[in-house]
Amino acid sequence: MLRIGKDLDSGVVEVDLHGYSVETAIEVARAVIAEAYENGFPYVRLVHGYNTSRARTYPYGTPTIKEEIWRLLHEGALIRYAYSRKSSRHVRRAGSITIALRPNPSPNPHPIWTALPGKDYAT
């Protein structure tokens, strides 16, 4: 089952990353960002939750989902699809990050979405 919320009126693709390990959440985030770009959506909202945003473990321990998403933006790993980390188009909130995508000059006329993997943990 596809677990992506798409608000077609606002152009936001939202995916809830609760229940995923950091590694799986980053894989899901990268895939959703790429597909949203290919399908012509301008924004992806990644809901990582409040607890991950309050954890202060990194750089002394395992980074949180929020920290890893921000690292991807900072290092330019998403530059093909998203504006740079310095862009004011991105919206950081306590429980989510909305990533602004670059315009796709030739988006898929009929959006295609891959099913997300199963959760790593029960939520």
PDB file of N, CA and C in Angstrom:
ATOM      1  N   MET A   1       0.843  -1.179   0.000  1.00  0.00           N
ATOM      2  CA  MET A   1       0.000   0.000   0.000  1.00  0.00           C
ATOM      3  C   MET A   1       0.886   1.238   0.000  1.00  0.00           C
ATOM      4  N   LEU A   2       0.563   2.193  -0.833  1.00  0.00           N
ATOM      5  CA  LEU A   2       1.296   3.435  -0.900  1.00  0.00           C
ATOM      6  C   LEU A   2       0.917   4.307   0.275  1.00  0.00           C
ATOM      7  N   ARG A   3       1.903   4.722   1.049  1.00  0.00           N
ATOM      8  CA  ARG A   3       1.639   5.515   2.244  1.00  0.00           C
ATOM      9  C   ARG A   3       2.188   6.932   2.084  1.00  0.00           C
ATOM     10  N   ILE A   4       1.863   7.546   0.965  1.00  0.00           N
ATOM     11  CA  ILE A   4       2.290   8.917   0.735  1.00  0.00           C
ATOM     12  C   ILE A   4       1.041   9.765   0.639  1.00  0.00           C
ATOM     13  N   GLY A   5       0.962  10.833   1.414  1.00  0.00           N
ATOM     14  CA  GLY A   5      -0.145  11.772   1.312  1.00  0.00           C
ATOM     15  C   GLY A   5       0.195  12.834   0.281  1.00  0.00           C
ATOM     16  N   LYS A   6      -0.657  13.034  -0.689  1.00  0.00           N
ATOM     17  CA  LYS A   6      -0.413  14.018  -1.731  1.00  0.00           C
ATOM     18  C   LYS A   6      -1.517  15.066  -1.687  1.00  0.00           C
ATOM     19  N   ASP A   7      -1.158  16.294  -1.416  1.00  0.00           N
ATOM     20  CA  ASP A   7      -2.096  17.399  -1.427  1.00  0.00           C
ATOM     21  C   ASP A   7      -1.934  18.092  -2.775  1.00  0.00           C
ATOM     22  N   LEU A   8      -2.736  17.684  -3.744  1.00  0.00           N
ATOM     23  CA  LEU A   8      -2.576  18.172  -5.106  1.00  0.00           C
ATOM     24  C   LEU A   8      -2.822  19.665  -5.219  1.00  0.00           C
ATOM     25  N   ASP A   9      -3.664  20.222  -4.354  1.00  0.00           N
ATOM     26  CA  ASP A   9      -3.943  21.650  -4.417  1.00  0.00           C
ATOM     27  C   ASP A   9      -2.714  22.478  -4.051  1.00  0.00           C
ATOM     28  N   SER A  10      -1.966  22.031  -3.064  1.00  0.00           N
ATOM     29  CA  SER A  10      -0.795  22.800  -2.644  1.00  0.00           C
ATOM     30  C   SER A  10       0.493  22.277  -3.275  1.00  0.00           C
ATOM     31  N   GLY A  11       0.439  21.133  -3.928  1.00  0.00           N
ATOM     32  CA  GLY A  11       1.627  20.577  -4.560  1.00  0.00           C
ATOM     33  C   GLY A  11       2.610  19.964  -3.597  1.00  0.00           C
ATOM     34  N   VAL A  12       2.133  19.525  -2.435  1.00  0.00           N
ATOM     35  CA  VAL A  12       3.012  18.946  -1.425  1.00  0.00           C
ATOM     36  C   VAL A  12       2.813  17.433  -1.375  1.00  0.00           C
ATOM     37  N   VAL A  13       3.913  16.708  -1.453  1.00  0.00           N
ATOM     38  CA  VAL A  13       3.913  15.271  -1.224  1.00  0.00           C
ATOM     39  C   VAL A  13       4.412  15.077   0.201  1.00  0.00           C
ATOM     40  N   GLU A  14       3.635  14.379   1.011  1.00  0.00           N
ATOM     41  CA  GLU A  14       4.019  14.193   2.410  1.00  0.00           C
ATOM     42  C   GLU A  14       4.220  12.722   2.699  1.00  0.00           C
ATOM     43  N   VAL A  15       5.297  12.416   3.393  1.00  0.00           N
ATOM     44  CA  VAL A  15       5.556  11.044   3.811  1.00  0.00           C
ATOM     45  C   VAL A  15       5.910  11.049   5.294  1.00  0.00           C
ATOM     46  N   ASP A  16       5.284  10.146   6.019  1.00  0.00           N
ATOM     47  CA  ASP A  16       5.502  10.003   7.453  1.00  0.00           C
ATOM     48  C   ASP A  16       6.618   8.980   7.668  1.00  0.00           C
ATOM     49  N   LEU A  17       7.699   9.408   8.283  1.00  0.00           N
ATOM     50  CA  LEU A  17       8.856   8.538   8.487  1.00  0.00           C
ATOM     51  C   LEU A  17       8.854   7.851   9.848  1.00  0.00           C
ATOM     52  N   HIS A  18       7.777   8.020  10.624  1.00  0.00           N
ATOM     53  CA  HIS A  18       7.661   7.320  11.907  1.00  0.00           C
ATOM     54  C   HIS A  18       7.725   5.815  11.659  1.00  0.00           C
ATOM     55  N   GLY A  19       8.453   5.130  12.499  1.00  0.00           N
ATOM     56  CA  GLY A  19       8.531   3.677  12.416  1.00  0.00           C
ATOM     57  C   GLY A  19       9.681   3.166  11.575  1.00  0.00           C
ATOM     58  N   TYR A  20      10.410   4.077  10.918  1.00  0.00           N
ATOM     59  CA  TYR A  20      11.570   3.664  10.128  1.00  0.00           C
ATOM     60  C   TYR A  20      12.850   3.905  10.919  1.00  0.00           C
ATOM     61  N   SER A  21      13.840   3.060  10.708  1.00  0.00           N
ATOM     62  CA  SER A  21      15.164   3.326  11.250  1.00  0.00           C
ATOM     63  C   SER A  21      15.727   4.534  10.505  1.00  0.00           C
ATOM     64  N   VAL A  22      16.780   5.119  11.019  1.00  0.00           N
ATOM     65  CA  VAL A  22      17.382   6.277  10.347  1.00  0.00           C
ATOM     66  C   VAL A  22      17.799   5.904   8.930  1.00  0.00           C
ATOM     67  N   GLU A  23      18.419   4.746   8.771  1.00  0.00           N
ATOM     68  CA  GLU A  23      18.896   4.322   7.465  1.00  0.00           C
ATOM     69  C   GLU A  23      17.739   4.141   6.475  1.00  0.00           C
ATOM     70  N   THR A  24      16.689   3.457   6.911  1.00  0.00           N
ATOM     71  CA  THR A  24      15.537   3.233   6.033  1.00  0.00           C
ATOM     72  C   THR A  24      14.828   4.549   5.739  1.00  0.00           C
ATOM     73  N   ALA A  25      14.705   5.407   6.746  1.00  0.00           N
ATOM     74  CA  ALA A  25      14.040   6.702   6.552  1.00  0.00           C
ATOM     75  C   ALA A  25      14.761   7.527   5.496  1.00  0.00           C
ATOM     76  N   ILE A  26      16.077   7.504   5.489  1.00  0.00           N
ATOM     77  CA  ILE A  26      16.839   8.261   4.493  1.00  0.00           C
ATOM     78  C   ILE A  26      16.645   7.665   3.111  1.00  0.00           C
ATOM     79  N   GLU A  27      16.615   6.346   3.003  1.00  0.00           N
ATOM     80  CA  GLU A  27      16.339   5.706   1.705  1.00  0.00           C
ATOM     81  C   GLU A  27      14.955   6.098   1.199  1.00  0.00           C
ATOM     82  N   VAL A  28      13.966   6.065   2.083  1.00  0.00           N
ATOM     83  CA  VAL A  28      12.598   6.442   1.717  1.00  0.00           C
ATOM     84  C   VAL A  28      12.561   7.907   1.298  1.00  0.00           C
ATOM     85  N   ALA A  29      13.200   8.769   2.083  1.00  0.00           N
ATOM     86  CA  ALA A  29      13.202  10.203   1.772  1.00  0.00           C
ATOM     87  C   ALA A  29      13.818  10.465   0.400  1.00  0.00           C
ATOM     88  N   ARG A  30      14.945   9.847   0.122  1.00  0.00           N
ATOM     89  CA  ARG A  30      15.606  10.043  -1.183  1.00  0.00           C
ATOM     90  C   ARG A  30      14.711   9.580  -2.327  1.00  0.00           C
ATOM     91  N   ALA A  31      14.072   8.424  -2.156  1.00  0.00           N
ATOM     92  CA  ALA A  31      13.205   7.891  -3.211  1.00  0.00           C
ATOM     93  C   ALA A  31      11.986   8.786  -3.433  1.00  0.00           C
ATOM     94  N   VAL A  32      11.362   9.237  -2.359  1.00  0.00           N
ATOM     95  CA  VAL A  32      10.176  10.092  -2.472  1.00  0.00           C
ATOM     96  C   VAL A  32      10.544  11.432  -3.105  1.00  0.00           C
ATOM     97  N   ILE A  33      11.677  11.997  -2.715  1.00  0.00           N
ATOM     98  CA  ILE A  33      12.119  13.267  -3.294  1.00  0.00           C
ATOM     99  C   ILE A  33      12.346  13.103  -4.798  1.00  0.00           C
ATOM    100  N   ALA A  34      13.015  12.038  -5.197  1.00  0.00           N
ATOM    101  CA  ALA A  34      13.263  11.804  -6.624  1.00  0.00           C
ATOM    102  C   ALA A  34      11.956  11.617  -7.395  1.00  0.00           C
ATOM    103  N   GLU A  35      11.036  10.823  -6.843  1.00  0.00           N
ATOM    104  CA  GLU A  35       9.765  10.584  -7.533  1.00  0.00           C
ATOM    105  C   GLU A  35       8.898  11.841  -7.577  1.00  0.00           C
ATOM    106  N   ALA A  36       8.902  12.616  -6.499  1.00  0.00           N
ATOM    107  CA  ALA A  36       8.133  13.861  -6.490  1.00  0.00           C
ATOM    108  C   ALA A  36       8.663  14.804  -7.568  1.00  0.00           C
ATOM    109  N   TYR A  37       9.972  14.889  -7.698  1.00  0.00           N
ATOM    110  CA  TYR A  37      10.570  15.715  -8.741  1.00  0.00           C
ATOM    111  C   TYR A  37      10.157  15.201 -10.127  1.00  0.00           C
ATOM    112  N   GLU A  38      10.317  13.903 -10.344  1.00  0.00           N
ATOM    113  CA  GLU A  38       9.971  13.311 -11.648  1.00  0.00           C
ATOM    114  C   GLU A  38       8.498  13.519 -11.983  1.00  0.00           C
ATOM    115  N   ASN A  39       7.651  13.560 -10.952  1.00  0.00           N
ATOM    116  CA  ASN A  39       6.218  13.739 -11.158  1.00  0.00           C
ATOM    117  C   ASN A  39       5.792  15.205 -11.142  1.00  0.00           C
ATOM    118  N   GLY A  40       6.749  16.119 -10.997  1.00  0.00           N
ATOM    119  CA  GLY A  40       6.464  17.532 -11.114  1.00  0.00           C
ATOM    120  C   GLY A  40       5.941  18.244  -9.884  1.00  0.00           C
ATOM    121  N   PHE A  41       6.108  17.648  -8.713  1.00  0.00           N
ATOM    122  CA  PHE A  41       5.653  18.294  -7.482  1.00  0.00           C
ATOM    123  C   PHE A  41       6.707  19.286  -6.993  1.00  0.00           C
ATOM    124  N   PRO A  42       6.294  20.424  -6.437  1.00  0.00           N
ATOM    125  CA  PRO A  42       7.268  21.424  -5.997  1.00  0.00           C
ATOM    126  C   PRO A  42       7.790  21.228  -4.566  1.00  0.00           C
ATOM    127  N   TYR A  43       7.097  20.430  -3.759  1.00  0.00           N
ATOM    128  CA  TYR A  43       7.502  20.277  -2.357  1.00  0.00           C
ATOM    129  C   TYR A  43       7.337  18.837  -1.880  1.00  0.00           C
ATOM    130  N   VAL A  44       8.217  18.448  -0.957  1.00  0.00           N
ATOM    131  CA  VAL A  44       8.095  17.179  -0.238  1.00  0.00           C
ATOM    132  C   VAL A  44       8.192  17.495   1.254  1.00  0.00           C
ATOM    133  N   ARG A  45       7.180  17.079   2.014  1.00  0.00           N
ATOM    134  CA  ARG A  45       7.214  17.244   3.469  1.00  0.00           C
ATOM    135  C   ARG A  45       7.562  15.893   4.078  1.00  0.00           C
ATOM    136  N   LEU A  46       8.659  15.866   4.808  1.00  0.00           N
ATOM    137  CA  LEU A  46       9.123  14.656   5.481  1.00  0.00           C
ATOM    138  C   LEU A  46       8.822  14.808   6.966  1.00  0.00           C
ATOM    139  N   VAL A  47       7.891  14.014   7.455  1.00  0.00           N
ATOM    140  CA  VAL A  47       7.483  14.075   8.862  1.00  0.00           C
ATOM    141  C   VAL A  47       8.366  13.105   9.635  1.00  0.00           C
ATOM    142  N   HIS A  48       9.247  13.656  10.463  1.00  0.00           N
ATOM    143  CA  HIS A  48      10.165  12.821  11.239  1.00  0.00           C
ATOM    144  C   HIS A  48       9.777  12.751  12.697  1.00  0.00           C
ATOM    145  N   GLY A  49       8.905  13.634  13.149  1.00  0.00           N
ATOM    146  CA  GLY A  49       8.417  13.593  14.525  1.00  0.00           C
ATOM    147  C   GLY A  49       9.187  14.497  15.460  1.00  0.00           C
ATOM    148  N   TYR A  50       8.559  14.792  16.579  1.00  0.00           N
ATOM    149  CA  TYR A  50       9.149  15.695  17.566  1.00  0.00           C
ATOM    150  C   TYR A  50      10.292  15.062  18.327  1.00  0.00           C
ATOM    151  N   ASN A  51      10.165  13.783  18.676  1.00  0.00           N
ATOM    152  CA  ASN A  51      11.211  13.151  19.478  1.00  0.00           C
ATOM    153  C   ASN A  51      12.547  13.168  18.773  1.00  0.00           C
ATOM    154  N   THR A  52      12.554  12.913  17.447  1.00  0.00           N
ATOM    155  CA  THR A  52      13.835  12.912  16.737  1.00  0.00           C
ATOM    156  C   THR A  52      14.406  14.309  16.658  1.00  0.00           C
ATOM    157  N   SER A  53      13.563  15.327  16.681  1.00  0.00           N
ATOM    158  CA  SER A  53      14.088  16.688  16.595  1.00  0.00           C
ATOM    159  C   SER A  53      14.606  17.179  17.935  1.00  0.00           C
ATOM    160  N   ARG A  54      14.214  16.549  19.021  1.00  0.00           N
ATOM    161  CA  ARG A  54      14.668  16.973  20.354  1.00  0.00           C
ATOM    162  C   ARG A  54      15.906  16.204  20.815  1.00  0.00           C
ATOM    163  N   ALA A  55      16.167  15.076  20.176  1.00  0.00           N
ATOM    164  CA  ALA A  55      17.330  14.280  20.582  1.00  0.00           C
ATOM    165  C   ALA A  55      18.608  15.041  20.256  1.00  0.00           C
ATOM    166  N   ARG A  56      19.492  15.104  21.194  1.00  0.00           N
ATOM    167  CA  ARG A  56      20.756  15.820  21.002  1.00  0.00           C
ATOM    168  C   ARG A  56      21.912  14.818  21.063  1.00  0.00           C
ATOM    169  N   THR A  57      21.819  13.787  20.262  1.00  0.00           N
ATOM    170  CA  THR A  57      22.824  12.737  20.329  1.00  0.00           C
ATOM    171  C   THR A  57      23.972  12.960  19.362  1.00  0.00           C
ATOM    172  N   TYR A  58      23.715  13.529  18.212  1.00  0.00           N
ATOM    173  CA  TYR A  58      24.729  13.688  17.186  1.00  0.00           C
ATOM    174  C   TYR A  58      25.522  14.960  17.458  1.00  0.00           C
ATOM    175  N   PRO A  59      26.793  15.065  17.378  1.00  0.00           N
ATOM    176  CA  PRO A  59      27.746  14.136  16.794  1.00  0.00           C
ATOM    177  C   PRO A  59      28.313  13.109  17.765  1.00  0.00           C
ATOM    178  N   TYR A  60      27.710  13.011  18.944  1.00  0.00           N
ATOM    179  CA  TYR A  60      28.227  12.096  19.955  1.00  0.00           C
ATOM    180  C   TYR A  60      27.647  10.702  19.876  1.00  0.00           C
ATOM    181  N   GLY A  61      26.659  10.512  19.027  1.00  0.00           N
ATOM    182  CA  GLY A  61      26.032   9.207  18.884  1.00  0.00           C
ATOM    183  C   GLY A  61      25.400   9.094  17.506  1.00  0.00           C
ATOM    184  N   THR A  62      24.377   8.318  17.408  1.00  0.00           N
ATOM    185  CA  THR A  62      23.692   8.110  16.145  1.00  0.00           C
ATOM    186  C   THR A  62      22.896   9.350  15.766  1.00  0.00           C
ATOM    187  N   PRO A  63      23.043   9.838  14.517  1.00  0.00           N
ATOM    188  CA  PRO A  63      22.257  11.004  14.109  1.00  0.00           C
ATOM    189  C   PRO A  63      20.778  10.653  14.002  1.00  0.00           C
ATOM    190  N   THR A  64      19.940  11.659  14.165  1.00  0.00           N
ATOM    191  CA  THR A  64      18.501  11.465  14.030  1.00  0.00           C
ATOM    192  C   THR A  64      18.105  11.575  12.562  1.00  0.00           C
ATOM    193  N   ILE A  65      16.866  11.216  12.269  1.00  0.00           N
ATOM    194  CA  ILE A  65      16.348  11.339  10.903  1.00  0.00           C
ATOM    195  C   ILE A  65      16.441  12.798  10.452  1.00  0.00           C
ATOM    196  N   LYS A  66      16.025  13.714  11.297  1.00  0.00           N
ATOM    197  CA  LYS A  66      16.070  15.133  10.959  1.00  0.00           C
ATOM    198  C   LYS A  66      17.493  15.568  10.618  1.00  0.00           C
ATOM    199  N   GLU A  67      18.451  15.172  11.443  1.00  0.00           N
ATOM    200  CA  GLU A  67      19.840  15.554  11.209  1.00  0.00           C
ATOM    201  C   GLU A  67      20.377  14.959   9.904  1.00  0.00           C
ATOM    202  N   GLU A  68      19.998  13.735   9.608  1.00  0.00           N
ATOM    203  CA  GLU A  68      20.469  13.093   8.385  1.00  0.00           C
ATOM    204  C   GLU A  68      19.853  13.731   7.131  1.00  0.00           C
ATOM    205  N   ILE A  69      18.591  14.105   7.197  1.00  0.00           N
ATOM    206  CA  ILE A  69      17.963  14.784   6.058  1.00  0.00           C
ATOM    207  C   ILE A  69      18.664  16.121   5.816  1.00  0.00           C
ATOM    208  N   TRP A  70      18.899  16.860   6.889  1.00  0.00           N
ATOM    209  CA  TRP A  70      19.573  18.147   6.762  1.00  0.00           C
ATOM    210  C   TRP A  70      20.993  17.974   6.241  1.00  0.00           C
ATOM    211  N   ARG A  71      21.665  16.887   6.652  1.00  0.00           N
ATOM    212  CA  ARG A  71      23.017  16.600   6.154  1.00  0.00           C
ATOM    213  C   ARG A  71      22.998  16.359   4.646  1.00  0.00           C
ATOM    214  N   LEU A  72      21.995  15.618   4.158  1.00  0.00           N
ATOM    215  CA  LEU A  72      21.874  15.389   2.714  1.00  0.00           C
ATOM    216  C   LEU A  72      21.760  16.704   1.954  1.00  0.00           C
ATOM    217  N   LEU A  73      20.937  17.605   2.471  1.00  0.00           N
ATOM    218  CA  LEU A  73      20.801  18.925   1.839  1.00  0.00           C
ATOM    219  C   LEU A  73      22.120  19.697   1.915  1.00  0.00           C
ATOM    220  N   HIS A  74      22.747  19.677   3.089  1.00  0.00           N
ATOM    221  CA  HIS A  74      23.983  20.422   3.311  1.00  0.00           C
ATOM    222  C   HIS A  74      25.103  19.944   2.388  1.00  0.00           C
ATOM    223  N   GLU A  75      25.208  18.635   2.197  1.00  0.00           N
ATOM    224  CA  GLU A  75      26.284  18.070   1.377  1.00  0.00           C
ATOM    225  C   GLU A  75      25.976  18.094  -0.116  1.00  0.00           C
ATOM    226  N   GLY A  76      24.760  18.517  -0.475  1.00  0.00           N
ATOM    227  CA  GLY A  76      24.413  18.597  -1.891  1.00  0.00           C
ATOM    228  C   GLY A  76      23.985  17.278  -2.513  1.00  0.00           C
ATOM    229  N   ALA A  77      23.682  16.282  -1.689  1.00  0.00           N
ATOM    230  CA  ALA A  77      23.290  14.968  -2.215  1.00  0.00           C
ATOM    231  C   ALA A  77      21.949  15.000  -2.940  1.00  0.00           C
ATOM    232  N   LEU A  78      21.149  16.038  -2.680  1.00  0.00           N
ATOM    233  CA  LEU A  78      19.815  16.139  -3.300  1.00  0.00           C
ATOM    234  C   LEU A  78      19.758  17.258  -4.329  1.00  0.00           C
ATOM    235  N   ILE A  79      20.906  17.820  -4.714  1.00  0.00           N
ATOM    236  CA  ILE A  79      20.941  19.029  -5.536  1.00  0.00           C
ATOM    237  C   ILE A  79      20.293  18.832  -6.907  1.00  0.00           C
ATOM    238  N   ARG A  80      20.272  17.624  -7.423  1.00  0.00           N
ATOM    239  CA  ARG A  80      19.605  17.383  -8.709  1.00  0.00           C
ATOM    240  C   ARG A  80      18.107  17.683  -8.615  1.00  0.00           C
ATOM    241  N   TYR A  81      17.527  17.427  -7.459  1.00  0.00           N
ATOM    242  CA  TYR A  81      16.087  17.566  -7.270  1.00  0.00           C
ATOM    243  C   TYR A  81      15.687  18.792  -6.456  1.00  0.00           C
ATOM    244  N   ALA A  82      16.476  19.136  -5.469  1.00  0.00           N
ATOM    245  CA  ALA A  82      16.088  20.166  -4.495  1.00  0.00           C
ATOM    246  C   ALA A  82      17.017  21.373  -4.577  1.00  0.00           C
ATOM    247  N   TYR A  83      16.490  22.498  -4.130  1.00  0.00           N
ATOM    248  CA  TYR A  83      17.320  23.688  -4.006  1.00  0.00           C
ATOM    249  C   TYR A  83      18.374  23.449  -2.932  1.00  0.00           C
ATOM    250  N   SER A  84      19.403  24.265  -2.915  1.00  0.00           N
ATOM    251  CA  SER A  84      20.475  24.096  -1.935  1.00  0.00           C
ATOM    252  C   SER A  84      19.958  24.322  -0.515  1.00  0.00           C
ATOM    253  N   ARG A  85      20.730  23.878   0.444  1.00  0.00           N
ATOM    254  CA  ARG A  85      20.361  24.005   1.853  1.00  0.00           C
ATOM    255  C   ARG A  85      20.151  25.458   2.244  1.00  0.00           C
ATOM    256  N   LYS A  86      20.841  26.362   1.599  1.00  0.00           N
ATOM    257  CA  LYS A  86      20.757  27.776   1.937  1.00  0.00           C
ATOM    258  C   LYS A  86      19.463  28.434   1.453  1.00  0.00           C
ATOM    259  N   SER A  87      18.698  27.733   0.652  1.00  0.00           N
ATOM    260  CA  SER A  87      17.468  28.303   0.110  1.00  0.00           C
ATOM    261  C   SER A  87      16.447  28.582   1.207  1.00  0.00           C
ATOM    262  N   SER A  88      15.811  29.720   1.119  1.00  0.00           N
ATOM    263  CA  SER A  88      14.750  30.054   2.077  1.00  0.00           C
ATOM    264  C   SER A  88      13.441  29.355   1.734  1.00  0.00           C
ATOM    265  N   ARG A  89      13.425  28.587   0.662  1.00  0.00           N
ATOM    266  CA  ARG A  89      12.213  27.862   0.260  1.00  0.00           C
ATOM    267  C   ARG A  89      11.920  26.653   1.143  1.00  0.00           C
ATOM    268  N   HIS A  90      12.960  26.107   1.772  1.00  0.00           N
ATOM    269  CA  HIS A  90      12.775  24.961   2.666  1.00  0.00           C
ATOM    270  C   HIS A  90      12.146  25.443   3.969  1.00  0.00           C
ATOM    271  N   VAL A  91      11.298  24.600   4.555  1.00  0.00           N
ATOM    272  CA  VAL A  91      10.652  24.954   5.819  1.00  0.00           C
ATOM    273  C   VAL A  91      11.017  23.906   6.861  1.00  0.00           C
ATOM    274  N   ARG A  92      11.716  24.329   7.902  1.00  0.00           N
ATOM    275  CA  ARG A  92      12.088  23.435   9.003  1.00  0.00           C
ATOM    276  C   ARG A  92      11.156  23.697  10.170  1.00  0.00           C
ATOM    277  N   ARG A  93      10.520  22.632  10.621  1.00  0.00           N
ATOM    278  CA  ARG A  93       9.666  22.708  11.809  1.00  0.00           C
ATOM    279  C   ARG A  93      10.154  21.655  12.791  1.00  0.00           C
ATOM    280  N   ALA A  94       9.631  21.702  13.998  1.00  0.00           N
ATOM    281  CA  ALA A  94      10.071  20.761  15.031  1.00  0.00           C
ATOM    282  C   ALA A  94       9.830  19.318  14.616  1.00  0.00           C
ATOM    283  N   GLY A  95       8.719  19.034  13.954  1.00  0.00           N
ATOM    284  CA  GLY A  95       8.380  17.660  13.621  1.00  0.00           C
ATOM    285  C   GLY A  95       8.487  17.293  12.154  1.00  0.00           C
ATOM    286  N   SER A  96       8.907  18.250  11.305  1.00  0.00           N
ATOM    287  CA  SER A  96       8.984  17.950   9.875  1.00  0.00           C
ATOM    288  C   SER A  96       9.919  18.915   9.152  1.00  0.00           C
ATOM    289  N   ILE A  97      10.301  18.516   7.963  1.00  0.00           N
ATOM    290  CA  ILE A  97      11.053  19.370   7.051  1.00  0.00           C
ATOM    291  C   ILE A  97      10.316  19.338   5.713  1.00  0.00           C
ATOM    292  N   THR A  98      10.024  20.503   5.166  1.00  0.00           N
ATOM    293  CA  THR A  98       9.449  20.593   3.828  1.00  0.00           C
ATOM    294  C   THR A  98      10.565  21.036   2.901  1.00  0.00           C
ATOM    295  N   ILE A  99      10.861  20.189   1.924  1.00  0.00           N
ATOM    296  CA  ILE A  99      11.956  20.442   0.993  1.00  0.00           C
ATOM    297  C   ILE A  99      11.386  20.985  -0.307  1.00  0.00           C
ATOM    298  N   ALA A 100      11.922  22.114  -0.732  1.00  0.00           N
ATOM    299  CA  ALA A 100      11.499  22.732  -1.994  1.00  0.00           C
ATOM    300  C   ALA A 100      12.275  22.103  -3.140  1.00  0.00           C
ATOM    301  N   LEU A 101      11.540  21.617  -4.119  1.00  0.00           N
ATOM    302  CA  LEU A 101      12.161  20.964  -5.269  1.00  0.00           C
ATOM    303  C   LEU A 101      12.330  21.937  -6.427  1.00  0.00           C
ATOM    304  N   ARG A 102      13.325  21.676  -7.217  1.00  0.00           N
ATOM    305  CA  ARG A 102      13.543  22.461  -8.433  1.00  0.00           C
ATOM    306  C   ARG A 102      12.420  22.152  -9.424  1.00  0.00           C
ATOM    307  N   PRO A 103      12.082  23.097 -10.280  1.00  0.00           N
ATOM    308  CA  PRO A 103      11.060  22.808 -11.297  1.00  0.00           C
ATOM    309  C   PRO A 103      11.564  21.742 -12.271  1.00  0.00           C
ATOM    310  N   ASN A 104      10.710  20.807 -12.607  1.00  0.00           N
ATOM    311  CA  ASN A 104      11.042  19.786 -13.588  1.00  0.00           C
ATOM    312  C   ASN A 104      10.473  20.244 -14.929  1.00  0.00           C
ATOM    313  N   PRO A 105      11.333  20.461 -15.931  1.00  0.00           N
ATOM    314  CA  PRO A 105      10.840  20.954 -17.215  1.00  0.00           C
ATOM    315  C   PRO A 105       9.962  19.961 -17.971  1.00  0.00           C
ATOM    316  N   SER A 106      10.078  18.678 -17.645  1.00  0.00           N
ATOM    317  CA  SER A 106       9.238  17.680 -18.329  1.00  0.00           C
ATOM    318  C   SER A 106       8.796  16.593 -17.344  1.00  0.00           C
ATOM    319  N   PRO A 107       7.844  16.930 -16.457  1.00  0.00           N
ATOM    320  CA  PRO A 107       7.380  15.934 -15.471  1.00  0.00           C
ATOM    321  C   PRO A 107       6.562  14.834 -16.134  1.00  0.00           C
ATOM    322  N   ASN A 108       6.446  13.720 -15.431  1.00  0.00           N
ATOM    323  CA  ASN A 108       5.614  12.622 -15.921  1.00  0.00           C
ATOM    324  C   ASN A 108       4.182  13.120 -16.075  1.00  0.00           C
ATOM    325  N   PRO A 109       3.558  12.878 -17.235  1.00  0.00           N
ATOM    326  CA  PRO A 109       2.163  13.319 -17.399  1.00  0.00           C
ATOM    327  C   PRO A 109       1.194  12.531 -16.524  1.00  0.00           C
ATOM    328  N   HIS A 110       1.555  11.303 -16.189  1.00  0.00           N
ATOM    329  CA  HIS A 110       0.748  10.447 -15.315  1.00  0.00           C
ATOM    330  C   HIS A 110       1.650   9.993 -14.170  1.00  0.00           C
ATOM    331  N   PRO A 111       1.572  10.683 -13.021  1.00  0.00           N
ATOM    332  CA  PRO A 111       2.503  10.389 -11.917  1.00  0.00           C
ATOM    333  C   PRO A 111       2.562   8.911 -11.550  1.00  0.00           C
ATOM    334  N   ILE A 112       3.773   8.470 -11.307  1.00  0.00           N
ATOM    335  CA  ILE A 112       4.061   7.091 -10.923  1.00  0.00           C
ATOM    336  C   ILE A 112       4.697   7.126  -9.539  1.00  0.00           C
ATOM    337  N   TRP A 113       4.194   6.281  -8.629  1.00  0.00           N
ATOM    338  CA  TRP A 113       4.712   6.227  -7.269  1.00  0.00           C
ATOM    339  C   TRP A 113       5.057   4.788  -6.916  1.00  0.00           C
ATOM    340  N   THR A 114       6.204   4.596  -6.320  1.00  0.00           N
ATOM    341  CA  THR A 114       6.633   3.291  -5.850  1.00  0.00           C
ATOM    342  C   THR A 114       6.114   3.098  -4.430  1.00  0.00           C
ATOM    343  N   ALA A 115       5.670   1.890  -4.120  1.00  0.00           N
ATOM    344  CA  ALA A 115       5.205   1.590  -2.760  1.00  0.00           C
ATOM    345  C   ALA A 115       6.377   1.713  -1.791  1.00  0.00           C
ATOM    346  N   LEU A 116       6.088   2.243  -0.619  1.00  0.00           N
ATOM    347  CA  LEU A 116       7.121   2.390   0.405  1.00  0.00           C
ATOM    348  C   LEU A 116       7.372   1.053   1.097  1.00  0.00           C
ATOM    349  N   PRO A 117       8.583   0.864   1.627  1.00  0.00           N
ATOM    350  CA  PRO A 117       8.858  -0.373   2.362  1.00  0.00           C
ATOM    351  C   PRO A 117       8.070  -0.409   3.665  1.00  0.00           C
ATOM    352  N   GLY A 118       7.945  -1.589   4.226  1.00  0.00           N
ATOM    353  CA  GLY A 118       7.296  -1.740   5.512  1.00  0.00           C
ATOM    354  C   GLY A 118       8.097  -1.051   6.601  1.00  0.00           C
ATOM    355  N   LYS A 119       7.430  -0.701   7.668  1.00  0.00           N
ATOM    356  CA  LYS A 119       8.064  -0.015   8.801  1.00  0.00           C
ATOM    357  C   LYS A 119       9.033  -0.958   9.502  1.00  0.00           C
ATOM    358  N   ASP A 120      10.093  -0.396  10.046  1.00  0.00           N
ATOM    359  CA  ASP A 120      11.073  -1.177  10.813  1.00  0.00           C
ATOM    360  C   ASP A 120      10.609  -1.424  12.245  1.00  0.00           C
ATOM    361  N   TYR A 121       9.795  -0.477  12.762  1.00  0.00           N
ATOM    362  CA  TYR A 121       9.316  -0.553  14.136  1.00  0.00           C
ATOM    363  C   TYR A 121       7.819  -0.287  14.177  1.00  0.00           C
ATOM    364  N   ALA A 122       7.144  -0.823  15.180  1.00  0.00           N
ATOM    365  CA  ALA A 122       5.724  -0.518  15.374  1.00  0.00           C
ATOM    366  C   ALA A 122       5.611   0.890  15.943  1.00  0.00           C
ATOM    367  N   THR A 123       4.614   1.638  15.450  1.00  0.00           N
ATOM    368  CA  THR A 123       4.430   2.998  15.958  1.00  0.00           C
ATOM    369  C   THR A 123       3.122   3.119  16.717  1.00  0.00           C
TER     370      THR A 123
END
